[in-house]
Amino acid sequence: MMKTPWRKLYILSTAGALSWLGSALTTFAVILRDKDTVGAGGVSVYLLAFGLPTIFMAPISGLIADKFSSRQVIIPALAVMGLSSGSLAIGLPVWWTPIALLITASAGTLVAPAMQAVQVTVTNPDDLPRVTGLMQSMASFGTLFAPALGGILVTTSGYFWPFVIDAISFWFLAAAFFAIGLNRKAVKHEVGEKLSAMAGIRFVFSDRLIRAIVVLVSVLIIALGSFNVGEVFLIKDELHASNLIYGIVGASFAAGSIIGAVLTAAIKLNKRFHAMAVIVGIAVLVLAILGFALAPNWGIAIALALATGVGNSVLNAYAISIVMTRSPQEMLGRVMAAIDAIIQSGSVIGIVLSGIAISFFHVRPVLLVCGILSAIILAIFAPDVIRYGRSFKEDKPAT
């Protein structure tokens, strides 16, 4: 039986946490630095530069992750990410900022599926949820401290160091990945056979369990867009909270994410119950959306944010484990890139639709409608997820 290289994965997760910290510092600093210059429209362009590459580069990034070894993909891509992020520190014109962000995000679309593929390649299938939980918890630790550190750095030394730290964090992750010796070899095919860029998407929608989970999560992501857009209006305007309380709500979500990730990393759950864990995580998020819509005060909102973080971590850990375990080894990169693209598409759609809806209606009715629709979709697809999950066969995906 394959033995999971926990020591190497702990090193990788720690380096990853520093990278997440750096990325969060860049997001914090670049928006704060340029908001008065570019306005709301410019900030939207920045956010799109972060998100759109995941959608449009999914076929090619997944193909590259499978066609080349993980070292050939991850290390050069991280080097490029460091250069593009570091360029934001040297005072180039403002038009360069979205280009730099686009370069960083595009290179990141190569790193993500390749990194996920190498993790599943070296991990015992029974340990996948715990490994995912480990990676999530360390990433959450990194992002949790970014706003406070960013505020200190910007206040004391300006905008130079957040971008430099981000650049160094990418290069440090590349060095750590090289040093620990993990690698997934390039997929080998018969002579004349070509790798299909769309194979990952076709597989996702051909597997009954993965298809049901993806539909559920996509609808949930769209619904959560209502909270991502409406959070500030709900907490500040509806619940009359201070800026400090608004920050605590965000910190509560991060704390919940850490708690959920630590729990999934510590508890070894039989794979027959992974699908049920996915449903539990989704149910917590659906109930949280409904709870936010009806919250009478900000104290309830803080508690709901904590629960949302826990549910989100549980959902991610076990859903990703199911996808990675059921996916053919030779197309892991393309499958994970397809999943990332679908989720990011749902996020973009949710943000756009929620922004329009909240502009015409109050935030509470929008949250309530999104919560009800999510509950209906959960009721429709949950039985399929549970039924297919009971007959989970890691070596024979159900189609």
Protein backbone atom coordinates (compact mmCIF):
# COMPACT_ATOMS: atom_id res chain seq x y z
CA MET A 1 0.00 0.00 0.00
CA MET A 2 1.25 3.48 -0.90
CA LYS A 3 2.59 5.42 2.08
CA THR A 4 1.78 9.13 2.17
CA PRO A 5 4.96 11.29 2.46
CA TRP A 6 3.62 13.44 5.28
CA ARG A 7 6.89 15.23 6.08
CA LYS A 8 7.28 16.44 2.51
CA LEU A 9 3.64 17.48 2.35
CA TYR A 10 3.99 19.45 5.60
CA ILE A 11 6.94 21.31 4.10
CA LEU A 12 5.00 21.95 0.89
CA SER A 13 1.92 23.17 2.78
CA THR A 14 4.03 25.57 4.85
CA ALA A 15 5.64 27.03 1.74
CA GLY A 16 2.18 27.21 0.19
CA ALA A 17 0.89 29.14 3.19
CA LEU A 18 3.58 31.77 2.67
CA SER A 19 2.60 31.98 -1.00
CA TRP A 20 -1.07 32.46 -0.08
CA LEU A 21 0.00 35.16 2.38
CA GLY A 22 1.93 36.92 -0.37
CA SER A 23 -0.95 36.71 -2.85
CA ALA A 24 -3.39 38.10 -0.29
CA LEU A 25 -0.95 40.94 0.45
CA THR A 26 -0.85 41.83 -3.25
CA THR A 27 -4.65 41.81 -3.52
CA PHE A 28 -4.91 44.01 -0.44
CA ALA A 29 -2.19 46.44 -1.48
CA VAL A 30 -2.95 46.84 -5.17
CA ILE A 31 -6.63 47.69 -4.61
CA LEU A 32 -5.84 50.04 -1.74
CA ARG A 33 -3.09 51.75 -3.75
CA ASP A 34 -5.04 52.26 -6.97
CA LYS A 35 -8.68 52.59 -5.92
CA ASP A 36 -8.70 56.40 -6.10
CA THR A 37 -6.89 56.40 -9.44
CA VAL A 38 -8.86 53.74 -11.32
CA GLY A 39 -12.19 53.91 -9.50
CA ALA A 40 -14.72 51.11 -9.09
CA GLY A 41 -14.49 50.15 -12.76
CA GLY A 42 -10.74 49.75 -12.55
CA VAL A 43 -10.99 47.66 -9.41
CA SER A 44 -13.45 45.40 -11.26
CA VAL A 45 -10.90 45.03 -14.05
CA TYR A 46 -8.29 44.02 -11.47
CA LEU A 47 -10.61 41.37 -10.03
CA LEU A 48 -11.41 40.05 -13.50
CA ALA A 49 -7.68 39.85 -14.25
CA PHE A 50 -7.39 37.60 -11.20
CA GLY A 51 -10.35 35.38 -12.09
CA LEU A 52 -10.81 35.08 -15.84
CA PRO A 53 -7.61 33.13 -16.67
CA THR A 54 -8.89 30.21 -14.59
CA ILE A 55 -11.89 29.97 -16.92
CA PHE A 56 -10.33 30.57 -20.31
CA MET A 57 -7.03 28.76 -19.78
CA ALA A 58 -8.51 25.61 -18.24
CA PRO A 59 -8.19 23.36 -21.32
CA ILE A 60 -4.59 24.32 -22.06
CA SER A 61 -3.42 24.49 -18.43
CA GLY A 62 -4.81 21.03 -17.70
CA LEU A 63 -3.25 19.67 -20.89
CA ILE A 64 0.14 21.13 -19.96
CA ALA A 65 -0.14 19.69 -16.44
CA ASP A 66 -0.55 16.20 -17.93
CA LYS A 67 1.80 16.54 -20.90
CA PHE A 68 4.83 17.63 -18.87
CA SER A 69 6.24 16.58 -15.51
CA SER A 70 5.14 18.59 -12.50
CA ARG A 71 8.64 20.02 -12.05
CA GLN A 72 8.69 21.22 -15.66
CA VAL A 73 5.40 23.05 -15.10
CA ILE A 74 5.36 24.26 -11.50
CA ILE A 75 8.86 25.67 -11.05
CA PRO A 76 8.99 27.87 -14.21
CA ALA A 77 5.40 29.05 -13.65
CA LEU A 78 6.16 30.09 -10.07
CA ALA A 79 9.27 31.92 -11.28
CA VAL A 80 7.13 33.92 -13.72
CA MET A 81 4.56 34.65 -11.00
CA GLY A 82 7.31 36.06 -8.81
CA LEU A 83 8.56 38.34 -11.58
CA SER A 84 5.12 39.68 -12.48
CA SER A 85 4.15 40.31 -8.85
CA GLY A 86 7.51 41.90 -8.09
CA SER A 87 7.09 44.27 -11.03
CA LEU A 88 4.24 45.97 -9.15
CA ALA A 89 6.76 47.24 -6.61
CA ILE A 90 8.90 49.29 -9.00
CA GLY A 91 6.49 52.11 -9.82
CA LEU A 92 5.44 51.25 -13.38
CA PRO A 93 2.44 53.11 -14.91
CA VAL A 94 -1.01 52.10 -13.68
CA TRP A 95 -1.89 50.45 -17.01
CA TRP A 96 0.72 47.79 -16.24
CA THR A 97 -1.09 46.65 -13.09
CA PRO A 98 -3.90 44.61 -14.73
CA ILE A 99 -1.37 43.14 -17.16
CA ALA A 100 0.86 42.02 -14.29
CA LEU A 101 -2.12 40.58 -12.43
CA LEU A 102 -3.23 38.76 -15.59
CA ILE A 103 0.25 37.26 -16.06
CA THR A 104 0.35 36.12 -12.44
CA ALA A 105 -3.11 34.57 -12.60
CA SER A 106 -2.40 32.90 -15.96
CA ALA A 107 0.77 31.29 -14.64
CA GLY A 108 -1.18 30.28 -11.55
CA THR A 109 -3.62 28.32 -13.70
CA LEU A 110 -0.67 26.12 -14.67
CA VAL A 111 0.50 25.63 -11.08
CA ALA A 112 -2.86 24.67 -9.54
CA PRO A 113 -3.76 21.53 -11.56
CA ALA A 114 -0.14 20.36 -11.68
CA MET A 115 0.22 20.76 -7.90
CA GLN A 116 -3.07 18.96 -7.21
CA ALA A 117 -2.12 16.16 -9.59
CA VAL A 118 1.25 15.56 -7.93
CA GLN A 119 -0.40 15.51 -4.50
CA VAL A 120 -2.84 12.76 -5.47
CA THR A 121 -0.06 10.82 -7.21
CA VAL A 122 2.04 10.54 -4.04
CA THR A 123 -0.82 10.22 -1.51
CA ASN A 124 -2.57 7.09 -0.28
CA PRO A 125 -6.19 7.42 -1.51
CA ASP A 126 -7.51 7.01 2.04
CA ASP A 127 -5.43 10.02 3.12
CA LEU A 128 -6.57 12.41 0.38
CA PRO A 129 -9.18 14.29 2.48
CA ARG A 130 -6.60 14.74 5.24
CA VAL A 131 -3.99 16.02 2.78
CA THR A 132 -6.55 18.41 1.27
CA GLY A 133 -7.46 19.57 4.77
CA LEU A 134 -3.79 20.15 5.55
CA MET A 135 -3.29 22.26 2.43
CA GLN A 136 -6.49 24.22 3.12
CA SER A 137 -5.65 24.91 6.75
CA MET A 138 -2.20 26.24 5.91
CA ALA A 139 -3.61 28.37 3.07
CA SER A 140 -6.22 29.78 5.45
CA PHE A 141 -3.53 30.59 8.00
CA GLY A 142 -1.66 32.51 5.33
CA THR A 143 -4.64 34.55 4.15
CA LEU A 144 -5.92 35.14 7.70
CA PHE A 145 -2.98 37.36 8.65
CA ALA A 146 -2.61 39.17 5.32
CA PRO A 147 -4.94 42.15 5.98
CA ALA A 148 -3.33 42.99 9.32
CA LEU A 149 0.20 42.56 7.97
CA GLY A 150 -0.69 44.49 4.83
CA GLY A 151 -2.06 47.36 6.88
CA ILE A 152 1.11 47.51 8.97
CA LEU A 153 3.41 47.38 5.93
CA VAL A 154 1.48 50.00 3.97
CA THR A 155 1.26 52.32 6.97
CA THR A 156 4.93 52.05 7.93
CA SER A 157 6.73 51.64 4.61
CA GLY A 158 4.31 52.20 1.72
CA TYR A 159 3.37 49.75 -1.01
CA PHE A 160 6.80 48.35 -1.85
CA TRP A 161 7.11 45.44 0.57
CA PRO A 162 3.74 43.69 0.03
CA PHE A 163 4.63 43.08 -3.62
CA VAL A 164 8.23 42.09 -2.85
CA ILE A 165 7.06 39.62 -0.20
CA ASP A 166 4.63 38.14 -2.72
CA ALA A 167 7.40 37.70 -5.29
CA ILE A 168 9.73 36.08 -2.77
CA SER A 169 6.96 33.75 -1.58
CA PHE A 170 6.49 32.37 -5.11
CA TRP A 171 10.21 31.76 -5.52
CA PHE A 172 10.40 30.17 -2.07
CA LEU A 173 7.55 27.79 -2.98
CA ALA A 174 9.37 26.85 -6.19
CA ALA A 175 12.57 26.16 -4.25
CA ALA A 176 10.72 24.12 -1.62
CA PHE A 177 8.95 22.04 -4.27
CA PHE A 178 12.28 21.30 -5.94
CA ALA A 179 14.01 20.50 -2.65
CA ILE A 180 11.49 17.96 -1.33
CA GLY A 181 11.78 15.92 -4.52
CA LEU A 182 8.10 15.37 -5.33
CA ASN A 183 7.34 14.89 -9.00
CA ARG A 184 4.62 13.52 -11.25
CA LYS A 185 5.99 12.31 -14.55
CA ALA A 186 4.51 13.34 -17.86
CA VAL A 187 1.67 11.19 -19.15
CA LYS A 188 2.89 8.73 -21.78
CA HIS A 189 0.63 7.70 -24.65
CA GLU A 190 0.98 5.33 -27.51
CA VAL A 191 2.74 6.59 -30.61
CA GLY A 192 0.38 8.70 -32.68
CA GLU A 193 -2.10 9.22 -29.82
CA LYS A 194 -2.70 12.83 -28.86
CA LEU A 195 -3.73 14.26 -25.52
CA SER A 196 -7.16 15.89 -25.71
CA ALA A 197 -7.45 19.29 -24.03
CA MET A 198 -11.19 18.79 -23.46
CA ALA A 199 -10.90 15.29 -21.99
CA GLY A 200 -11.07 16.64 -18.44
CA ILE A 201 -14.40 18.40 -19.00
CA ARG A 202 -15.84 15.35 -20.77
CA PHE A 203 -14.84 13.11 -17.89
CA VAL A 204 -16.31 15.46 -15.27
CA PHE A 205 -19.73 15.32 -16.93
CA SER A 206 -19.59 11.61 -17.74
CA ASP A 207 -19.06 10.45 -14.15
CA ARG A 208 -22.39 10.42 -12.30
CA LEU A 209 -21.05 11.21 -8.84
CA ILE A 210 -18.65 13.96 -9.96
CA ARG A 211 -21.31 15.45 -12.24
CA ALA A 212 -23.84 15.65 -9.40
CA ILE A 213 -21.28 17.21 -7.05
CA VAL A 214 -20.17 19.75 -9.67
CA VAL A 215 -23.76 20.84 -10.37
CA LEU A 216 -24.44 21.19 -6.65
CA VAL A 217 -21.27 23.14 -5.93
CA SER A 218 -21.68 25.38 -9.00
CA VAL A 219 -25.19 26.41 -7.95
CA LEU A 220 -23.95 26.95 -4.41
CA ILE A 221 -21.08 29.13 -5.65
CA ILE A 222 -23.53 31.25 -7.65
CA ALA A 223 -25.70 31.62 -4.54
CA LEU A 224 -22.70 32.48 -2.39
CA GLY A 225 -21.96 35.28 -4.83
CA SER A 226 -24.94 37.07 -3.28
CA PHE A 227 -23.17 37.06 0.07
CA ASN A 228 -19.78 38.00 -1.36
CA VAL A 229 -21.34 41.07 -2.97
CA GLY A 230 -23.88 41.84 -0.26
CA GLU A 231 -21.82 41.14 2.88
CA VAL A 232 -20.70 44.73 3.39
CA PHE A 233 -24.26 46.04 2.89
CA LEU A 234 -25.75 43.44 5.23
CA ILE A 235 -23.24 43.92 8.04
CA LYS A 236 -22.83 47.69 7.80
CA ASP A 237 -26.24 48.94 6.64
CA GLU A 238 -28.74 46.30 7.76
CA LEU A 239 -27.10 45.21 11.03
CA HIS A 240 -25.49 48.61 11.77
CA ALA A 241 -22.11 47.14 12.69
CA SER A 242 -18.86 49.09 13.00
CA ASN A 243 -15.84 48.67 10.77
CA LEU A 244 -14.27 46.56 13.52
CA ILE A 245 -17.23 44.17 13.59
CA TYR A 246 -17.19 43.97 9.80
CA GLY A 247 -13.56 42.88 10.00
CA ILE A 248 -14.39 40.35 12.73
CA VAL A 249 -17.04 38.77 10.49
CA GLY A 250 -14.41 38.22 7.80
CA ALA A 251 -11.94 36.89 10.35
CA SER A 252 -14.61 34.49 11.67
CA PHE A 253 -14.96 32.93 8.23
CA ALA A 254 -11.19 32.47 8.03
CA ALA A 255 -11.15 30.99 11.53
CA GLY A 256 -13.94 28.60 10.59
CA SER A 257 -12.02 27.58 7.48
CA ILE A 258 -9.01 26.75 9.63
CA ILE A 259 -11.11 24.76 12.11
CA GLY A 260 -12.78 22.79 9.31
CA ALA A 261 -9.50 22.16 7.52
CA VAL A 262 -7.78 21.01 10.73
CA LEU A 263 -10.68 18.63 11.48
CA THR A 264 -10.62 17.09 8.00
CA ALA A 265 -6.84 16.74 8.20
CA ALA A 266 -7.02 15.06 11.62
CA ILE A 267 -9.98 12.71 11.07
CA LYS A 268 -9.58 9.71 8.79
CA LEU A 269 -13.09 9.17 7.44
CA ASN A 270 -13.99 5.96 5.61
CA LYS A 271 -14.32 6.73 1.91
CA ARG A 272 -17.89 5.37 1.91
CA PHE A 273 -18.87 8.47 3.88
CA HIS A 274 -17.03 11.05 1.77
CA ALA A 275 -20.10 11.82 -0.34
CA MET A 276 -22.20 12.26 2.80
CA ALA A 277 -19.56 14.67 4.15
CA VAL A 278 -19.88 16.70 0.93
CA ILE A 279 -23.64 16.95 1.44
CA VAL A 280 -23.18 17.98 5.08
CA GLY A 281 -20.75 20.72 4.04
CA ILE A 282 -23.15 22.02 1.38
CA ALA A 283 -26.10 21.88 3.80
CA VAL A 284 -24.18 24.00 6.32
CA LEU A 285 -23.49 26.62 3.64
CA VAL A 286 -27.12 26.66 2.45
CA LEU A 287 -28.40 27.08 6.01
CA ALA A 288 -25.83 29.83 6.56
CA ILE A 289 -27.09 31.79 3.53
CA LEU A 290 -30.64 31.54 4.86
CA GLY A 291 -29.38 32.50 8.31
CA PHE A 292 -27.65 35.61 7.00
CA ALA A 293 -30.86 36.65 5.24
CA LEU A 294 -32.74 36.47 8.55
CA ALA A 295 -29.96 37.48 10.98
CA PRO A 296 -31.32 39.90 13.63
CA ASN A 297 -27.92 41.22 14.75
CA TRP A 298 -24.21 41.12 13.96
CA GLY A 299 -23.51 38.59 16.72
CA ILE A 300 -25.50 35.99 14.79
CA ALA A 301 -23.63 37.02 11.63
CA ILE A 302 -20.29 36.33 13.31
CA ALA A 303 -21.45 32.85 14.36
CA LEU A 304 -22.81 32.15 10.87
CA ALA A 305 -19.53 33.26 9.29
CA LEU A 306 -17.66 30.81 11.52
CA ALA A 307 -20.03 27.98 10.52
CA THR A 308 -19.69 28.95 6.86
CA GLY A 309 -15.92 28.61 7.06
CA VAL A 310 -16.19 25.14 8.62
CA GLY A 311 -18.73 23.97 6.04
CA ASN A 312 -16.66 25.34 3.17
CA SER A 313 -13.53 23.48 4.32
CA VAL A 314 -15.39 20.19 4.78
CA LEU A 315 -16.98 20.53 1.34
CA ASN A 316 -13.68 21.30 -0.36
CA ALA A 317 -11.72 18.53 1.34
CA TYR A 318 -14.08 15.68 0.54
CA ALA A 319 -15.31 16.91 -2.85
CA ILE A 320 -11.74 17.33 -4.10
CA SER A 321 -10.83 13.92 -2.66
CA ILE A 322 -13.68 12.25 -4.56
CA VAL A 323 -12.76 13.99 -7.81
CA MET A 324 -9.05 13.20 -7.56
CA THR A 325 -9.59 9.58 -6.49
CA ARG A 326 -12.10 8.79 -9.23
CA SER A 327 -10.20 10.56 -12.02
CA PRO A 328 -7.90 8.55 -14.31
CA GLN A 329 -4.28 9.17 -13.39
CA GLU A 330 -3.38 10.14 -16.95
CA MET A 331 -5.82 13.07 -17.01
CA LEU A 332 -5.63 14.38 -13.44
CA GLY A 333 -4.31 17.76 -14.54
CA ARG A 334 -7.06 18.28 -17.10
CA VAL A 335 -9.80 17.16 -14.71
CA MET A 336 -8.66 19.52 -11.95
CA ALA A 337 -8.31 22.40 -14.42
CA ALA A 338 -11.86 21.72 -15.64
CA ILE A 339 -13.19 21.72 -12.07
CA ASP A 340 -11.39 24.99 -11.30
CA ALA A 341 -12.82 26.59 -14.44
CA ILE A 342 -16.37 25.49 -13.67
CA ILE A 343 -16.16 26.78 -10.10
CA GLN A 344 -14.62 30.08 -11.19
CA SER A 345 -17.32 30.48 -13.85
CA GLY A 346 -19.97 30.03 -11.17
CA SER A 347 -18.23 32.61 -9.01
CA VAL A 348 -18.13 35.20 -11.80
CA ILE A 349 -21.78 34.56 -12.72
CA GLY A 350 -22.80 34.79 -9.07
CA ILE A 351 -21.00 38.08 -8.52
CA VAL A 352 -22.47 39.66 -11.67
CA LEU A 353 -26.06 38.48 -11.07
CA SER A 354 -25.94 39.33 -7.37
CA GLY A 355 -24.57 42.79 -8.06
CA ILE A 356 -27.45 43.48 -10.43
CA ALA A 357 -30.07 41.98 -8.09
CA ILE A 358 -28.84 43.84 -5.01
CA SER A 359 -28.83 47.08 -7.01
CA PHE A 360 -32.59 46.69 -7.58
CA PHE A 361 -33.62 44.95 -4.36
CA HIS A 362 -32.45 44.96 -0.76
CA VAL A 363 -29.71 42.54 0.21
CA ARG A 364 -31.86 40.40 2.52
CA PRO A 365 -34.44 39.35 -0.13
CA VAL A 366 -31.62 38.45 -2.54
CA LEU A 367 -29.90 36.32 0.10
CA LEU A 368 -33.19 34.65 0.99
CA VAL A 369 -34.03 33.78 -2.63
CA CYS A 370 -30.51 32.45 -3.23
CA GLY A 371 -30.71 30.34 -0.08
CA ILE A 372 -34.10 28.88 -1.05
CA LEU A 373 -32.93 28.06 -4.60
CA SER A 374 -29.79 26.40 -3.20
CA ALA A 375 -31.90 24.33 -0.80
CA ILE A 376 -34.11 23.15 -3.68
CA ILE A 377 -31.09 22.13 -5.78
CA LEU A 378 -29.61 20.36 -2.75
CA ALA A 379 -32.84 18.42 -2.23
CA ILE A 380 -32.83 17.37 -5.91
CA PHE A 381 -29.21 16.25 -6.23
CA ALA A 382 -28.29 15.14 -2.70
CA PRO A 383 -29.94 11.68 -3.05
CA ASP A 384 -27.89 10.99 -6.19
CA VAL A 385 -24.66 12.04 -4.51
CA ILE A 386 -25.37 9.86 -1.47
CA ARG A 387 -26.49 6.88 -3.58
CA TYR A 388 -23.48 6.98 -5.91
CA GLY A 389 -21.19 7.65 -2.97
CA ARG A 390 -22.27 4.48 -1.17
CA SER A 391 -20.96 2.37 -4.03
CA PHE A 392 -17.74 4.38 -4.23
CA LYS A 393 -15.07 2.43 -6.11
CA GLU A 394 -11.83 4.33 -6.35
CA ASP A 395 -10.58 2.25 -9.28
CA LYS A 396 -13.84 2.10 -11.27
CA PRO A 397 -15.67 5.42 -11.61
CA ALA A 398 -19.40 5.14 -12.15
CA THR A 399 -20.51 6.38 -15.56
